N, C-alpha and C. Protein backbone atom coordinates (compact mmCIF):
# COMPACT_ATOMS: atom_id res chain seq x y z
N MET A 1 68.16 -25.62 -129.84
CA MET A 1 69.24 -24.79 -130.26
C MET A 1 70.04 -24.37 -129.00
N ALA A 2 71.31 -24.48 -129.05
CA ALA A 2 72.22 -24.04 -127.98
C ALA A 2 72.69 -22.62 -128.13
N VAL A 3 72.84 -21.97 -127.02
CA VAL A 3 73.41 -20.65 -127.00
C VAL A 3 74.87 -20.81 -126.50
N LEU A 4 75.78 -20.26 -127.30
CA LEU A 4 77.23 -20.41 -126.97
C LEU A 4 77.78 -19.03 -126.75
N LYS A 5 78.79 -19.00 -125.85
CA LYS A 5 79.49 -17.75 -125.55
C LYS A 5 81.02 -17.98 -125.67
N VAL A 6 81.75 -16.99 -126.05
CA VAL A 6 83.18 -17.07 -126.22
C VAL A 6 83.86 -16.09 -125.30
N ILE A 7 84.83 -16.57 -124.55
CA ILE A 7 85.66 -15.70 -123.72
C ILE A 7 87.09 -15.77 -124.18
N GLU A 8 87.86 -14.77 -123.94
CA GLU A 8 89.27 -14.76 -124.29
C GLU A 8 90.07 -14.94 -122.98
N VAL A 9 91.02 -15.89 -123.01
CA VAL A 9 91.83 -16.18 -121.86
C VAL A 9 93.32 -16.19 -122.28
N LEU A 10 94.13 -15.43 -121.56
CA LEU A 10 95.57 -15.36 -121.84
C LEU A 10 96.24 -16.24 -120.76
N ALA A 11 97.30 -17.01 -121.19
CA ALA A 11 98.08 -17.83 -120.20
C ALA A 11 99.44 -17.97 -120.67
N ASN A 12 100.37 -18.33 -119.70
CA ASN A 12 101.75 -18.57 -120.05
C ASN A 12 102.27 -19.77 -119.28
N SER A 13 103.38 -20.29 -119.81
CA SER A 13 104.04 -21.47 -119.18
C SER A 13 105.54 -21.43 -119.47
N ASP A 14 106.28 -21.98 -118.53
CA ASP A 14 107.73 -22.13 -118.79
C ASP A 14 108.07 -23.34 -119.58
N LYS A 15 107.06 -24.25 -119.79
CA LYS A 15 107.30 -25.52 -120.43
C LYS A 15 107.02 -25.56 -121.97
N SER A 16 105.75 -25.18 -122.30
CA SER A 16 105.35 -25.29 -123.71
C SER A 16 104.05 -24.55 -123.98
N TRP A 17 103.74 -24.37 -125.26
CA TRP A 17 102.48 -23.74 -125.60
C TRP A 17 101.30 -24.65 -125.17
N GLU A 18 101.51 -25.94 -125.30
CA GLU A 18 100.43 -26.89 -124.87
C GLU A 18 100.11 -26.75 -123.41
N ASP A 19 101.19 -26.61 -122.61
CA ASP A 19 101.01 -26.41 -121.15
C ASP A 19 100.28 -25.09 -120.86
N ALA A 20 100.66 -24.12 -121.58
CA ALA A 20 99.98 -22.78 -121.43
C ALA A 20 98.51 -22.91 -121.78
N ALA A 21 98.15 -23.64 -122.81
CA ALA A 21 96.72 -23.84 -123.20
C ALA A 21 96.00 -24.65 -122.12
N GLU A 22 96.67 -25.63 -121.54
CA GLU A 22 96.06 -26.41 -120.45
C GLU A 22 95.83 -25.49 -119.24
N LYS A 23 96.75 -24.63 -118.96
CA LYS A 23 96.53 -23.67 -117.84
C LYS A 23 95.38 -22.71 -118.09
N ALA A 24 95.24 -22.25 -119.36
CA ALA A 24 94.09 -21.37 -119.70
C ALA A 24 92.78 -22.10 -119.50
N LEU A 25 92.71 -23.31 -119.93
CA LEU A 25 91.55 -24.16 -119.75
C LEU A 25 91.20 -24.43 -118.30
N ALA A 26 92.25 -24.74 -117.54
CA ALA A 26 92.05 -25.06 -116.16
C ALA A 26 91.53 -23.82 -115.39
N GLN A 27 92.05 -22.65 -115.73
CA GLN A 27 91.62 -21.43 -115.05
C GLN A 27 90.15 -21.13 -115.44
N ALA A 28 89.82 -21.23 -116.74
CA ALA A 28 88.47 -20.94 -117.15
C ALA A 28 87.48 -21.96 -116.51
N SER A 29 87.91 -23.18 -116.35
CA SER A 29 87.01 -24.19 -115.80
C SER A 29 86.62 -23.91 -114.34
N LYS A 30 87.37 -23.08 -113.65
CA LYS A 30 87.04 -22.76 -112.27
C LYS A 30 85.77 -21.93 -112.17
N SER A 31 85.42 -21.20 -113.21
CA SER A 31 84.25 -20.33 -113.14
C SER A 31 83.25 -20.56 -114.29
N VAL A 32 83.60 -21.40 -115.22
CA VAL A 32 82.73 -21.59 -116.40
C VAL A 32 82.45 -23.09 -116.54
N ASP A 33 81.15 -23.42 -116.72
CA ASP A 33 80.74 -24.80 -116.99
C ASP A 33 80.45 -25.01 -118.43
N HIS A 34 80.37 -26.25 -118.81
CA HIS A 34 79.90 -26.64 -120.18
C HIS A 34 80.86 -26.11 -121.35
N ILE A 35 82.13 -26.14 -121.05
CA ILE A 35 83.15 -25.73 -122.07
C ILE A 35 83.08 -26.78 -123.22
N ARG A 36 83.01 -26.20 -124.43
CA ARG A 36 82.91 -27.09 -125.58
C ARG A 36 84.21 -27.09 -126.41
N SER A 37 84.95 -25.99 -126.49
CA SER A 37 86.17 -25.96 -127.29
C SER A 37 87.08 -24.90 -126.80
N ILE A 38 88.35 -25.02 -127.22
CA ILE A 38 89.33 -23.99 -127.00
C ILE A 38 90.07 -23.79 -128.34
N TYR A 39 90.17 -22.50 -128.72
CA TYR A 39 90.84 -22.12 -129.93
C TYR A 39 92.06 -21.33 -129.60
N ILE A 40 93.20 -21.72 -130.14
CA ILE A 40 94.46 -20.99 -129.84
C ILE A 40 94.51 -19.88 -130.95
N ASN A 41 94.25 -18.69 -130.49
CA ASN A 41 94.22 -17.49 -131.35
C ASN A 41 95.64 -17.01 -131.72
N GLU A 42 96.53 -17.00 -130.70
CA GLU A 42 97.88 -16.57 -130.93
C GLU A 42 98.85 -17.32 -130.05
N GLN A 43 100.08 -17.46 -130.53
CA GLN A 43 101.15 -18.08 -129.72
C GLN A 43 102.31 -17.12 -129.81
N SER A 44 102.98 -16.92 -128.71
CA SER A 44 104.21 -16.12 -128.69
C SER A 44 105.12 -16.65 -127.55
N CYS A 45 106.29 -16.08 -127.52
CA CYS A 45 107.19 -16.48 -126.39
C CYS A 45 108.09 -15.30 -126.07
N THR A 46 108.58 -15.34 -124.87
CA THR A 46 109.56 -14.37 -124.41
C THR A 46 110.89 -14.95 -124.51
N VAL A 47 111.88 -14.12 -124.70
CA VAL A 47 113.31 -14.63 -124.86
C VAL A 47 114.15 -13.89 -123.81
N LYS A 48 115.01 -14.75 -123.18
CA LYS A 48 116.00 -14.17 -122.19
C LYS A 48 117.31 -14.85 -122.45
N ASP A 49 118.34 -14.07 -122.63
CA ASP A 49 119.74 -14.61 -122.86
C ASP A 49 119.75 -15.55 -124.04
N GLY A 50 119.04 -15.22 -125.10
CA GLY A 50 119.07 -15.96 -126.33
C GLY A 50 118.29 -17.32 -126.27
N LYS A 51 117.52 -17.50 -125.23
CA LYS A 51 116.74 -18.72 -125.13
C LYS A 51 115.26 -18.40 -124.75
N ILE A 52 114.42 -19.26 -125.08
CA ILE A 52 112.98 -19.09 -124.79
C ILE A 52 112.81 -19.16 -123.26
N ALA A 53 112.21 -18.11 -122.72
CA ALA A 53 112.01 -18.01 -121.31
C ALA A 53 110.59 -18.45 -120.90
N SER A 54 109.56 -18.14 -121.74
CA SER A 54 108.25 -18.55 -121.43
C SER A 54 107.40 -18.57 -122.72
N TYR A 55 106.37 -19.41 -122.74
CA TYR A 55 105.45 -19.54 -123.86
C TYR A 55 104.18 -18.93 -123.47
N ARG A 56 103.56 -18.20 -124.41
CA ARG A 56 102.27 -17.53 -124.15
C ARG A 56 101.22 -17.90 -125.24
N VAL A 57 99.99 -18.07 -124.76
CA VAL A 57 98.90 -18.33 -125.69
C VAL A 57 97.73 -17.36 -125.46
N ASN A 58 97.11 -16.94 -126.46
CA ASN A 58 95.84 -16.13 -126.40
C ASN A 58 94.81 -17.09 -126.88
N THR A 59 93.87 -17.52 -126.05
CA THR A 59 92.93 -18.53 -126.42
C THR A 59 91.49 -17.92 -126.44
N LYS A 60 90.63 -18.55 -127.20
CA LYS A 60 89.22 -18.31 -127.17
C LYS A 60 88.56 -19.56 -126.76
N ILE A 61 87.81 -19.48 -125.60
CA ILE A 61 87.11 -20.64 -125.07
C ILE A 61 85.66 -20.52 -125.25
N THR A 62 85.07 -21.53 -125.87
CA THR A 62 83.62 -21.54 -126.16
C THR A 62 82.89 -22.45 -125.17
N PHE A 63 81.79 -21.92 -124.63
CA PHE A 63 81.02 -22.72 -123.69
C PHE A 63 79.54 -22.50 -123.92
N GLU A 64 78.75 -23.46 -123.50
CA GLU A 64 77.30 -23.38 -123.69
C GLU A 64 76.65 -22.68 -122.50
N VAL A 65 75.79 -21.72 -122.78
CA VAL A 65 75.05 -21.04 -121.75
C VAL A 65 73.73 -21.80 -121.53
N LYS A 66 73.50 -22.20 -120.30
CA LYS A 66 72.27 -23.00 -119.99
C LYS A 66 71.18 -22.10 -119.55
């Protein structure tokens, strides 16, 4: 039986929600091993001058505890 833990990571990007999710995963990977999945809990964006300025994601990252 595996023991799994979930952490919440927030990230943003000027490009896309996908890029923001990649950044969240990259940041978590610096200190967490054995990542199994990433769940996009929320997506939002900021608006400046009538255009999207940045994309934000609230992720839940699941990893195995050894």
